[in-house]
Amino acid sequence: MIGDTIHDYDVSKHIGCDCLLIASGHHSYEKLARLGIDVISTLKEIIQI
């Protein structure tokens, strides 16, 4: 799952799928990174993962 909120991360955990968060939406990079999963700043960064 690709999302931009902590809620997206919570949903991915609930349904048992991996999650990648993009810090270009509702939450800052720092806030999302505290979850301990991959966080990117732009969609272009997906190529690097």
PDB file of N, CA and C in Angstrom:
ATOM      1  N   MET A   1       0.843  -1.161   0.000  1.00  0.00           N
ATOM      2  CA  MET A   1       0.000   0.000   0.000  1.00  0.00           C
ATOM      3  C   MET A   1       0.893   1.231   0.000  1.00  0.00           C
ATOM      4  N   ILE A   2       0.496   2.226  -0.744  1.00  0.00           N
ATOM      5  CA  ILE A   2       1.184   3.515  -0.741  1.00  0.00           C
ATOM      6  C   ILE A   2       0.221   4.536  -0.156  1.00  0.00           C
ATOM      7  N   GLY A   3       0.701   5.293   0.828  1.00  0.00           N
ATOM      8  CA  GLY A   3      -0.162   6.276   1.461  1.00  0.00           C
ATOM      9  C   GLY A   3       0.614   7.481   1.940  1.00  0.00           C
ATOM     10  N   ASP A   4      -0.112   8.410   2.566  1.00  0.00           N
ATOM     11  CA  ASP A   4       0.545   9.613   3.063  1.00  0.00           C
ATOM     12  C   ASP A   4       0.092  10.003   4.471  1.00  0.00           C
ATOM     13  N   THR A   5      -0.540   9.063   5.162  1.00  0.00           N
ATOM     14  CA  THR A   5      -0.988   9.360   6.526  1.00  0.00           C
ATOM     15  C   THR A   5      -0.697   8.184   7.458  1.00  0.00           C
ATOM     16  N   ILE A   6      -0.710   8.467   8.737  1.00  0.00           N
ATOM     17  CA  ILE A   6      -0.559   7.412   9.733  1.00  0.00           C
ATOM     18  C   ILE A   6      -1.732   6.441   9.633  1.00  0.00           C
ATOM     19  N   HIS A   7      -2.892   6.955   9.305  1.00  0.00           N
ATOM     20  CA  HIS A   7      -4.068   6.090   9.119  1.00  0.00           C
ATOM     21  C   HIS A   7      -3.824   5.074   8.001  1.00  0.00           C
ATOM     22  N   ASP A   8      -3.199   5.493   6.909  1.00  0.00           N
ATOM     23  CA  ASP A   8      -2.882   4.557   5.825  1.00  0.00           C
ATOM     24  C   ASP A   8      -1.989   3.430   6.338  1.00  0.00           C
ATOM     25  N   TYR A   9      -1.016   3.782   7.157  1.00  0.00           N
ATOM     26  CA  TYR A   9      -0.137   2.775   7.753  1.00  0.00           C
ATOM     27  C   TYR A   9      -0.928   1.815   8.636  1.00  0.00           C
ATOM     28  N   ASP A  10      -1.810   2.359   9.468  1.00  0.00           N
ATOM     29  CA  ASP A  10      -2.628   1.515  10.342  1.00  0.00           C
ATOM     30  C   ASP A  10      -3.500   0.552   9.536  1.00  0.00           C
ATOM     31  N   VAL A  11      -4.073   1.025   8.442  1.00  0.00           N
ATOM     32  CA  VAL A  11      -4.894   0.165   7.579  1.00  0.00           C
ATOM     33  C   VAL A  11      -4.038  -0.939   6.978  1.00  0.00           C
ATOM     34  N   SER A  12      -2.835  -0.613   6.522  1.00  0.00           N
ATOM     35  CA  SER A  12      -1.972  -1.637   5.923  1.00  0.00           C
ATOM     36  C   SER A  12      -1.626  -2.724   6.940  1.00  0.00           C
ATOM     37  N   LYS A  13      -1.365  -2.324   8.185  1.00  0.00           N
ATOM     38  CA  LYS A  13      -1.097  -3.322   9.228  1.00  0.00           C
ATOM     39  C   LYS A  13      -2.317  -4.197   9.453  1.00  0.00           C
ATOM     40  N   HIS A  14      -3.481  -3.593   9.482  1.00  0.00           N
ATOM     41  CA  HIS A  14      -4.726  -4.325   9.737  1.00  0.00           C
ATOM     42  C   HIS A  14      -5.010  -5.361   8.648  1.00  0.00           C
ATOM     43  N   ILE A  15      -4.711  -5.022   7.394  1.00  0.00           N
ATOM     44  CA  ILE A  15      -4.992  -5.969   6.306  1.00  0.00           C
ATOM     45  C   ILE A  15      -3.788  -6.844   5.972  1.00  0.00           C
ATOM     46  N   GLY A  16      -2.652  -6.603   6.648  1.00  0.00           N
ATOM     47  CA  GLY A  16      -1.486  -7.466   6.485  1.00  0.00           C
ATOM     48  C   GLY A  16      -0.668  -7.221   5.237  1.00  0.00           C
ATOM     49  N   CYS A  17      -0.581  -5.977   4.788  1.00  0.00           N
ATOM     50  CA  CYS A  17       0.242  -5.706   3.608  1.00  0.00           C
ATOM     51  C   CYS A  17       1.341  -4.698   3.948  1.00  0.00           C
ATOM     52  N   ASP A  18       2.376  -4.696   3.118  1.00  0.00           N
ATOM     53  CA  ASP A  18       3.462  -3.736   3.286  1.00  0.00           C
ATOM     54  C   ASP A  18       2.950  -2.329   3.009  1.00  0.00           C
ATOM     55  N   CYS A  19       3.668  -1.346   3.537  1.00  0.00           N
ATOM     56  CA  CYS A  19       3.245   0.044   3.359  1.00  0.00           C
ATOM     57  C   CYS A  19       4.454   0.919   3.060  1.00  0.00           C
ATOM     58  N   LEU A  20       4.286   1.814   2.128  1.00  0.00           N
ATOM     59  CA  LEU A  20       5.269   2.841   1.803  1.00  0.00           C
ATOM     60  C   LEU A  20       4.555   4.174   1.962  1.00  0.00           C
ATOM     61  N   LEU A  21       5.135   5.070   2.746  1.00  0.00           N
ATOM     62  CA  LEU A  21       4.493   6.360   2.983  1.00  0.00           C
ATOM     63  C   LEU A  21       5.227   7.470   2.248  1.00  0.00           C
ATOM     64  N   ILE A  22       4.453   8.411   1.727  1.00  0.00           N
ATOM     65  CA  ILE A  22       4.989   9.557   1.005  1.00  0.00           C
ATOM     66  C   ILE A  22       4.725  10.809   1.842  1.00  0.00           C
ATOM     67  N   ALA A  23       5.793  11.507   2.164  1.00  0.00           N
ATOM     68  CA  ALA A  23       5.675  12.689   3.026  1.00  0.00           C
ATOM     69  C   ALA A  23       5.384  13.938   2.208  1.00  0.00           C
ATOM     70  N   SER A  24       4.418  13.851   1.334  1.00  0.00           N
ATOM     71  CA  SER A  24       4.030  15.032   0.556  1.00  0.00           C
ATOM     72  C   SER A  24       2.550  15.312   0.740  1.00  0.00           C
ATOM     73  N   GLY A  25       2.008  14.780   1.816  1.00  0.00           N
ATOM     74  CA  GLY A  25       0.583  14.932   2.060  1.00  0.00           C
ATOM     75  C   GLY A  25       0.307  15.552   3.410  1.00  0.00           C
ATOM     76  N   HIS A  26      -0.437  14.842   4.223  1.00  0.00           N
ATOM     77  CA  HIS A  26      -0.939  15.387   5.480  1.00  0.00           C
ATOM     78  C   HIS A  26       0.081  15.437   6.613  1.00  0.00           C
ATOM     79  N   HIS A  27       1.080  14.548   6.606  1.00  0.00           N
ATOM     80  CA  HIS A  27       2.024  14.479   7.724  1.00  0.00           C
ATOM     81  C   HIS A  27       3.447  14.745   7.243  1.00  0.00           C
ATOM     82  N   SER A  28       4.272  15.265   8.131  1.00  0.00           N
ATOM     83  CA  SER A  28       5.667  15.551   7.799  1.00  0.00           C
ATOM     84  C   SER A  28       6.473  14.259   7.687  1.00  0.00           C
ATOM     85  N   TYR A  29       7.622  14.375   7.030  1.00  0.00           N
ATOM     86  CA  TYR A  29       8.538  13.243   6.904  1.00  0.00           C
ATOM     87  C   TYR A  29       8.910  12.729   8.293  1.00  0.00           C
ATOM     88  N   GLU A  30       9.240  13.632   9.186  1.00  0.00           N
ATOM     89  CA  GLU A  30       9.680  13.252  10.528  1.00  0.00           C
ATOM     90  C   GLU A  30       8.601  12.476  11.278  1.00  0.00           C
ATOM     91  N   LYS A  31       7.371  12.937  11.189  1.00  0.00           N
ATOM     92  CA  LYS A  31       6.273  12.267  11.888  1.00  0.00           C
ATOM     93  C   LYS A  31       6.051  10.866  11.327  1.00  0.00           C
ATOM     94  N   LEU A  32       6.106  10.721  10.011  1.00  0.00           N
ATOM     95  CA  LEU A  32       5.910   9.408   9.396  1.00  0.00           C
ATOM     96  C   LEU A  32       7.087   8.481   9.681  1.00  0.00           C
ATOM     97  N   ALA A  33       8.302   9.013   9.678  1.00  0.00           N
ATOM     98  CA  ALA A  33       9.496   8.197   9.913  1.00  0.00           C
ATOM     99  C   ALA A  33       9.498   7.593  11.314  1.00  0.00           C
ATOM    100  N   ARG A  34       8.849   8.234  12.265  1.00  0.00           N
ATOM    101  CA  ARG A  34       8.771   7.695  13.627  1.00  0.00           C
ATOM    102  C   ARG A  34       8.049   6.356  13.683  1.00  0.00           C
ATOM    103  N   LEU A  35       7.315   6.012  12.630  1.00  0.00           N
ATOM    104  CA  LEU A  35       6.617   4.726  12.589  1.00  0.00           C
ATOM    105  C   LEU A  35       7.582   3.565  12.336  1.00  0.00           C
ATOM    106  N   GLY A  36       8.789   3.877  11.855  1.00  0.00           N
ATOM    107  CA  GLY A  36       9.792   2.844  11.631  1.00  0.00           C
ATOM    108  C   GLY A  36       9.657   2.099  10.316  1.00  0.00           C
ATOM    109  N   ILE A  37       8.982   2.703   9.341  1.00  0.00           N
ATOM    110  CA  ILE A  37       8.865   2.074   8.025  1.00  0.00           C
ATOM    111  C   ILE A  37       9.430   3.016   6.969  1.00  0.00           C
ATOM    112  N   ASP A  38       9.490   2.543   5.719  1.00  0.00           N
ATOM    113  CA  ASP A  38      10.015   3.364   4.633  1.00  0.00           C
ATOM    114  C   ASP A  38       9.138   4.587   4.391  1.00  0.00           C
ATOM    115  N   VAL A  39       9.797   5.738   4.292  1.00  0.00           N
ATOM    116  CA  VAL A  39       9.113   6.992   3.977  1.00  0.00           C
ATOM    117  C   VAL A  39       9.911   7.676   2.876  1.00  0.00           C
ATOM    118  N   ILE A  40       9.211   8.174   1.877  1.00  0.00           N
ATOM    119  CA  ILE A  40       9.861   8.915   0.806  1.00  0.00           C
ATOM    120  C   ILE A  40       9.247  10.306   0.733  1.00  0.00           C
ATOM    121  N   SER A  41       9.944  11.211   0.044  1.00  0.00           N
ATOM    122  CA  SER A  41       9.445  12.577  -0.090  1.00  0.00           C
ATOM    123  C   SER A  41       8.665  12.794  -1.375  1.00  0.00           C
ATOM    124  N   THR A  42       9.031  12.051  -2.436  1.00  0.00           N
ATOM    125  CA  THR A  42       8.349  12.181  -3.724  1.00  0.00           C
ATOM    126  C   THR A  42       8.169  10.804  -4.349  1.00  0.00           C
ATOM    127  N   LEU A  43       7.231  10.697  -5.267  1.00  0.00           N
ATOM    128  CA  LEU A  43       7.013   9.418  -5.952  1.00  0.00           C
ATOM    129  C   LEU A  43       8.236   8.978  -6.748  1.00  0.00           C
ATOM    130  N   LYS A  44       9.048   9.911  -7.222  1.00  0.00           N
ATOM    131  CA  LYS A  44      10.254   9.562  -7.982  1.00  0.00           C
ATOM    132  C   LYS A  44      11.207   8.693  -7.166  1.00  0.00           C
ATOM    133  N   GLU A  45      11.162   8.811  -5.857  1.00  0.00           N
ATOM    134  CA  GLU A  45      12.052   8.043  -4.985  1.00  0.00           C
ATOM    135  C   GLU A  45      11.708   6.558  -4.937  1.00  0.00           C
ATOM    136  N   ILE A  46      10.545   6.167  -5.426  1.00  0.00           N
ATOM    137  CA  ILE A  46      10.167   4.750  -5.427  1.00  0.00           C
ATOM    138  C   ILE A  46      11.186   3.926  -6.200  1.00  0.00           C
ATOM    139  N   ILE A  47      11.762   4.486  -7.225  1.00  0.00           N
ATOM    140  CA  ILE A  47      12.750   3.783  -8.048  1.00  0.00           C
ATOM    141  C   ILE A  47      13.953   3.359  -7.208  1.00  0.00           C
ATOM    142  N   GLN A  48      14.285   4.113  -6.180  1.00  0.00           N
ATOM    143  CA  GLN A  48      15.461   3.837  -5.352  1.00  0.00           C
ATOM    144  C   GLN A  48      15.218   2.766  -4.299  1.00  0.00           C
ATOM    145  N   ILE A  49      13.974   2.381  -4.077  1.00  0.00           N
ATOM    146  CA  ILE A  49      13.661   1.406  -3.025  1.00  0.00           C
ATOM    147  C   ILE A  49      13.699  -0.001  -3.576  1.00  0.00           C
TER     148      ILE A  49
END
